[in-house]
């Protein structure tokens, strides 16, 4: 519910329709001149110029910096485009009331009626297009009421409305942190690779060699032992080494996956806003 207690928070609030769609941003708040309760908000929908769409604050709810209104986005955007430059005239109020099906800004009811949420009426007669919403005036007293734009320069900052002679200067500051996110996965996989390997191996073999020796006193006995002439054979067995290849599988090393943390400097750039206060004194501006 929007009332005089939280009217300061409505300024610059993000307007959300019942379906959660963003409509725009509150630029002005219009109140009943009789009791000061808020009636309308002007919503900037990103269009050029000073013309803004008006939406009733009846049934609106403020949560944080979001103002959820009772009317959908298309209806608000199709609302009468009225310059938000001060008080609303009777004709401008009628156009807004008619657009949202709330009747007229001039009331003809008797007694006190708050069914439309636009303040206290004490007028005569009954008219209107909706039996639950009377065509009440914003200011009561049986006459066409005045709706006035709230003056934002009258202390509506974070220090409170008209609470003291100072204003609060604020600025945005970066709050930078880190978040760990998964960037990829790594896995170990092994497979068999066959390659040609050459090894040089020394091998030995025997060859026949013919040797002769002269007859001497030392071997004459062996040389003449036997017949003087005869047929005879002598045989020598030759041998050689041949390469024999065998293979065996042996473990050579163990491999595992590990991680290490590497710290690097990363620069972050972001726009931040701050308020500046100017003193305007006799045409001289000081910051």
Protein backbone atom coordinates (compact mmCIF):
# COMPACT_ATOMS: atom_id res chain seq x y z
CA UNK A 1 0.00 0.00 0.00
CA UNK A 2 1.28 3.45 -0.94
CA UNK A 3 0.62 6.25 1.55
CA UNK A 4 2.27 9.37 2.90
CA UNK A 5 4.67 7.29 5.00
CA UNK A 6 6.46 5.65 2.08
CA UNK A 7 5.88 8.19 -0.70
CA UNK A 8 9.59 9.10 -0.75
CA UNK A 9 10.50 5.54 -1.72
CA UNK A 10 8.22 5.60 -4.77
CA UNK A 11 10.44 8.02 -6.69
CA UNK A 12 12.62 6.24 -9.29
CA UNK A 13 11.06 2.88 -8.41
CA UNK A 14 10.83 0.29 -11.18
CA UNK A 15 7.19 -0.17 -12.19
CA UNK A 16 6.10 -3.81 -12.59
CA UNK A 17 2.69 -4.91 -13.89
CA UNK A 18 0.69 -7.82 -12.38
CA UNK A 19 2.40 -10.27 -14.78
CA UNK A 20 5.87 -9.18 -13.65
CA UNK A 21 6.69 -7.21 -16.82
CA UNK A 22 8.76 -4.08 -16.38
CA UNK A 23 6.85 -0.98 -17.48
CA UNK A 24 9.22 1.87 -16.70
CA UNK A 25 10.45 4.12 -13.91
CA UNK A 26 8.49 6.42 -11.60
CA UNK A 27 9.37 10.05 -12.26
CA UNK A 28 6.61 12.01 -10.50
CA UNK A 29 4.09 11.35 -7.74
CA UNK A 30 0.79 13.24 -7.64
CA UNK A 31 -1.12 13.64 -4.36
CA UNK A 32 -4.52 14.80 -3.25
CA UNK A 33 -4.34 18.45 -2.16
CA UNK A 34 -6.84 17.76 0.62
CA UNK A 35 -5.11 15.08 2.67
CA UNK A 36 -1.84 14.55 0.80
CA UNK A 37 -2.36 10.87 0.04
CA UNK A 38 -0.79 9.70 -3.25
CA UNK A 39 -3.09 9.22 -6.24
CA UNK A 40 -1.05 8.84 -9.41
CA UNK A 41 2.50 8.16 -10.52
CA UNK A 42 3.93 9.26 -13.84
CA UNK A 43 5.94 6.51 -15.48
CA UNK A 44 8.74 7.10 -17.96
CA UNK A 45 8.69 4.27 -20.49
CA UNK A 46 11.84 5.27 -22.35
CA UNK A 47 10.17 7.55 -24.91
CA UNK A 48 11.62 10.91 -25.86
CA UNK A 49 10.17 14.15 -24.50
CA UNK A 50 8.55 15.18 -21.25
CA UNK A 51 5.28 13.34 -21.80
CA UNK A 52 4.82 10.45 -19.36
CA UNK A 53 2.18 7.78 -18.77
CA UNK A 54 0.09 8.09 -15.63
CA UNK A 55 -1.01 5.12 -13.55
CA UNK A 56 -3.22 5.10 -10.42
CA UNK A 57 -1.49 4.07 -7.21
CA UNK A 58 -4.64 2.43 -5.89
CA UNK A 59 -3.82 -1.24 -5.25
CA UNK A 60 -0.10 -0.71 -5.84
CA UNK A 61 2.46 -2.37 -3.60
CA UNK A 62 6.06 -1.25 -3.03
CA UNK A 63 8.72 -3.90 -2.36
CA UNK A 64 12.29 -2.68 -2.25
CA UNK A 65 12.78 -0.60 -5.40
CA UNK A 66 9.92 -2.27 -7.30
CA UNK A 67 6.43 -0.80 -7.52
CA UNK A 68 3.88 -3.44 -8.57
CA UNK A 69 0.75 -1.74 -9.89
CA UNK A 70 -2.71 -3.15 -10.58
CA UNK A 71 -2.73 -2.47 -14.33
CA UNK A 72 -0.98 -4.31 -17.16
CA UNK A 73 1.87 -2.90 -19.21
CA UNK A 74 -0.10 -2.29 -22.42
CA UNK A 75 -2.84 -0.37 -20.62
CA UNK A 76 -0.31 1.88 -18.89
CA UNK A 77 1.55 2.57 -22.14
CA UNK A 78 -1.76 3.47 -23.82
CA UNK A 79 -2.68 5.89 -21.03
CA UNK A 80 -3.15 9.58 -21.93
CA UNK A 81 0.20 11.29 -22.53
CA UNK A 82 0.19 14.34 -20.25
CA UNK A 83 3.07 16.68 -19.58
CA UNK A 84 4.27 16.06 -16.02
CA UNK A 85 4.83 19.73 -15.27
CA UNK A 86 2.76 20.49 -12.18
CA UNK A 87 -0.91 20.25 -11.14
CA UNK A 88 -3.31 18.15 -13.18
CA UNK A 89 -6.32 19.97 -14.57
CA UNK A 90 -9.85 18.64 -14.23
CA UNK A 91 -9.85 17.57 -17.87
CA UNK A 92 -6.53 15.72 -17.48
CA UNK A 93 -7.80 13.94 -14.39
CA UNK A 94 -10.98 12.92 -16.24
CA UNK A 95 -8.95 11.47 -19.11
CA UNK A 96 -6.91 9.36 -16.68
CA UNK A 97 -9.98 8.19 -14.76
CA UNK A 98 -11.82 7.29 -17.97
CA UNK A 99 -8.83 5.35 -19.35
CA UNK A 100 -8.61 3.12 -16.28
CA UNK A 101 -12.40 2.73 -15.95
CA UNK A 102 -12.59 4.68 -12.71
CA UNK A 103 -15.26 7.11 -13.84
CA UNK A 104 -14.73 10.87 -13.58
CA UNK A 105 -12.76 13.17 -11.32
CA UNK A 106 -15.94 15.12 -10.44
CA UNK A 107 -18.02 13.25 -7.85
CA UNK A 108 -21.77 13.20 -7.33
CA UNK A 109 -22.00 10.79 -4.38
CA UNK A 110 -23.31 11.38 -0.92
CA UNK A 111 -21.32 10.69 2.22
CA UNK A 112 -17.87 9.23 2.61
CA UNK A 113 -16.67 6.86 -0.10
CA UNK A 114 -13.22 5.26 -0.30
CA UNK A 115 -14.11 2.36 -2.58
CA UNK A 116 -12.06 3.87 -5.42
CA UNK A 117 -9.20 4.66 -3.10
CA UNK A 118 -9.03 8.34 -4.01
CA UNK A 119 -9.54 10.00 -0.69
CA UNK A 120 -12.65 11.23 1.12
CA UNK A 121 -15.73 12.27 -0.83
CA UNK A 122 -18.62 14.29 0.58
CA UNK A 123 -20.73 15.02 -2.50
CA UNK A 124 -24.22 14.33 -3.75
CA UNK A 125 -25.66 12.00 -6.35
CA UNK A 126 -24.38 8.76 -7.85
CA UNK A 127 -22.86 8.19 -11.29
CA UNK A 128 -20.15 6.02 -12.74
CA UNK A 129 -19.54 3.07 -15.00
CA UNK A 130 -18.58 0.57 -12.31
CA UNK A 131 -20.88 -0.12 -9.33
CA UNK A 132 -17.85 -0.75 -7.10
CA UNK A 133 -15.91 2.34 -8.16
CA UNK A 134 -17.62 5.69 -7.66
CA UNK A 135 -16.74 8.66 -9.77
CA UNK A 136 -15.17 10.44 -6.85
CA UNK A 137 -13.09 13.57 -6.67
CA UNK A 138 -9.50 13.48 -5.59
CA UNK A 139 -9.99 16.33 -3.14
CA UNK A 140 -13.53 15.82 -1.81
CA UNK A 141 -15.76 18.66 -0.55
CA UNK A 142 -18.17 18.13 -3.48
CA UNK A 143 -16.03 20.03 -5.98
CA UNK A 144 -13.53 19.11 -8.61
CA UNK A 145 -10.34 18.31 -6.74
CA UNK A 146 -6.78 19.38 -7.39
CA UNK A 147 -3.99 16.85 -7.82
CA UNK A 148 -0.53 18.21 -7.24
CA UNK A 149 2.87 16.92 -8.24
CA UNK A 150 5.06 16.24 -5.21
CA UNK A 151 8.02 18.62 -5.05
CA UNK A 152 11.07 16.37 -5.00
CA UNK A 153 13.34 19.26 -4.05
CA UNK A 154 11.70 19.54 -0.64
CA UNK A 155 13.99 17.12 1.15
CA UNK A 156 12.99 13.83 -0.44
CA UNK A 157 16.40 12.18 -0.16
CA UNK A 158 17.73 9.44 2.09
CA UNK A 159 17.98 11.80 5.07
CA UNK A 160 14.20 12.08 5.12
CA UNK A 161 11.60 14.58 4.02
CA UNK A 162 12.13 18.03 5.48
CA UNK A 163 13.85 16.58 8.53
CA UNK A 164 16.84 18.90 8.76
CA UNK A 165 18.89 21.46 6.87
CA UNK A 166 21.31 18.93 5.35
CA UNK A 167 21.18 16.52 2.45
CA UNK A 168 22.91 13.18 2.10
CA UNK A 169 25.41 12.69 -0.74
CA UNK A 170 25.70 9.10 -1.90
CA UNK A 171 27.92 7.24 -4.31
CA UNK A 172 28.16 3.78 -5.78
CA UNK A 173 31.12 1.61 -4.86
CA UNK A 174 32.27 -1.56 -6.54
CA UNK A 175 31.84 -4.74 -4.55
CA UNK A 176 34.03 -7.21 -6.42
CA UNK A 177 34.32 -10.86 -5.49
CA UNK A 178 35.09 -14.17 -7.13
CA UNK A 179 32.98 -17.19 -7.96
CA UNK A 180 34.34 -20.65 -8.67
CA UNK A 181 32.84 -22.14 -11.80
CA UNK A 182 33.58 -25.35 -13.70
CA UNK A 183 35.56 -24.63 -16.87
CA UNK A 184 36.34 -28.13 -18.13
CA UNK A 185 37.17 -31.77 -17.36
CA UNK A 186 40.39 -33.76 -17.80
CA UNK A 187 40.84 -37.55 -17.78
CA UNK A 188 43.66 -40.09 -18.18
CA UNK A 189 43.40 -42.69 -20.93
CA UNK A 190 46.05 -45.21 -22.07
CA UNK A 191 46.35 -47.18 -25.27
CA UNK A 192 48.92 -49.51 -26.87
CA UNK A 193 51.37 -48.06 -29.40
CA UNK A 194 53.63 -50.41 -31.45
CA UNK A 195 56.98 -49.09 -32.59
CA UNK A 196 60.09 -50.58 -34.24
CA UNK A 197 63.07 -50.95 -31.92
CA UNK A 198 66.60 -51.91 -33.12
CA UNK A 199 69.24 -53.45 -30.82
CA UNK A 200 72.77 -54.47 -31.80
CA UNK A 201 73.76 -57.87 -30.33
CA UNK A 202 77.30 -59.41 -30.66
CA UNK A 203 77.21 -63.06 -31.86
CA UNK A 204 80.04 -65.57 -32.40
CA UNK A 205 80.60 -68.40 -34.90
CA UNK A 206 83.40 -70.85 -35.69
CA UNK A 207 85.28 -71.04 -38.97
CA UNK A 208 87.71 -73.72 -40.28
CA UNK A 209 91.36 -72.78 -40.31
CA UNK A 210 94.09 -74.96 -41.83
CA UNK A 211 97.22 -75.19 -39.69
CA UNK A 212 100.58 -76.86 -40.54
CA UNK A 213 103.59 -77.61 -38.38
CA UNK A 214 107.02 -79.00 -39.24
CA UNK A 215 108.22 -82.44 -38.11
CA UNK A 216 110.45 -82.09 -35.13
CA UNK A 217 112.08 -84.39 -32.62
CA UNK A 218 109.16 -83.65 -30.37
CA UNK A 219 106.38 -84.75 -32.70
CA UNK A 220 108.13 -87.25 -34.95
CA UNK A 221 106.78 -90.16 -32.96
CA UNK A 222 103.15 -89.08 -33.40
CA UNK A 223 103.73 -88.26 -37.04
CA UNK A 224 105.16 -91.71 -37.94
CA UNK A 225 102.77 -93.72 -35.76
CA UNK A 226 100.81 -95.73 -38.27
CA UNK A 227 101.23 -97.05 -41.75
CA UNK A 228 103.53 -95.31 -44.07
CA UNK A 229 100.77 -94.69 -46.59
CA UNK A 230 96.99 -94.79 -45.94
CA UNK A 231 93.58 -93.17 -46.67
CA UNK A 232 92.20 -91.19 -43.73
CA UNK A 233 89.57 -88.50 -42.78
CA UNK A 234 89.38 -86.02 -39.92
CA UNK A 235 86.16 -84.10 -39.09
CA UNK A 236 85.69 -80.87 -37.10
CA UNK A 237 82.29 -79.65 -35.82
CA UNK A 238 81.63 -75.94 -36.33
CA UNK A 239 79.18 -73.88 -34.14
CA UNK A 240 77.74 -70.37 -34.07
CA UNK A 241 75.58 -68.16 -31.85
CA UNK A 242 72.18 -67.11 -33.06
CA UNK A 243 70.02 -64.19 -31.73
CA UNK A 244 67.04 -65.24 -29.66
CA UNK A 245 64.37 -62.51 -29.04
CA UNK A 246 61.93 -62.64 -26.17
CA UNK A 247 59.68 -59.91 -24.72
CA UNK A 248 58.44 -59.24 -21.22
CA UNK A 249 56.11 -56.57 -19.84
CA UNK A 250 57.43 -54.59 -16.89
CA UNK A 251 55.93 -51.57 -15.06
CA UNK A 252 57.94 -48.40 -15.65
CA UNK A 253 56.03 -45.54 -13.95
CA UNK A 254 52.74 -44.39 -12.43
CA UNK A 255 50.77 -41.38 -13.77
CA UNK A 256 47.98 -39.57 -11.97
CA UNK A 257 45.96 -36.37 -12.46
CA UNK A 258 46.52 -33.46 -10.12
CA UNK A 259 45.55 -29.80 -9.98
CA UNK A 260 47.39 -26.70 -8.93
CA UNK A 261 46.08 -23.22 -8.27
CA UNK A 262 47.56 -20.45 -10.37
CA UNK A 263 46.89 -16.86 -9.30
CA UNK A 264 46.77 -14.16 -11.92
CA UNK A 265 45.71 -10.52 -11.89
CA UNK A 266 42.53 -9.66 -13.81
CA UNK A 267 41.31 -6.10 -14.23
CA UNK A 268 37.60 -5.32 -13.86
CA UNK A 269 36.09 -2.10 -15.18
CA UNK A 270 32.58 -0.92 -14.34
CA UNK A 271 30.75 2.42 -14.37
CA UNK A 272 29.86 3.78 -10.93
CA UNK A 273 27.69 6.80 -10.20
CA UNK A 274 28.05 9.36 -7.45
CA UNK A 275 26.17 12.44 -6.39
CA UNK A 276 27.67 15.90 -6.39
CA UNK A 277 26.27 18.79 -4.41
CA UNK A 278 26.41 22.32 -5.81
CA UNK A 279 25.91 25.58 -3.94
CA UNK A 280 24.24 28.25 -6.05
CA UNK A 281 24.77 31.60 -4.33
CA UNK A 282 24.03 34.88 -6.14
CA UNK A 283 24.73 33.35 -9.53
CA UNK A 284 27.98 31.72 -8.40
CA UNK A 285 28.04 27.94 -8.39
CA UNK A 286 30.39 26.07 -6.08
CA UNK A 287 30.75 22.31 -5.92
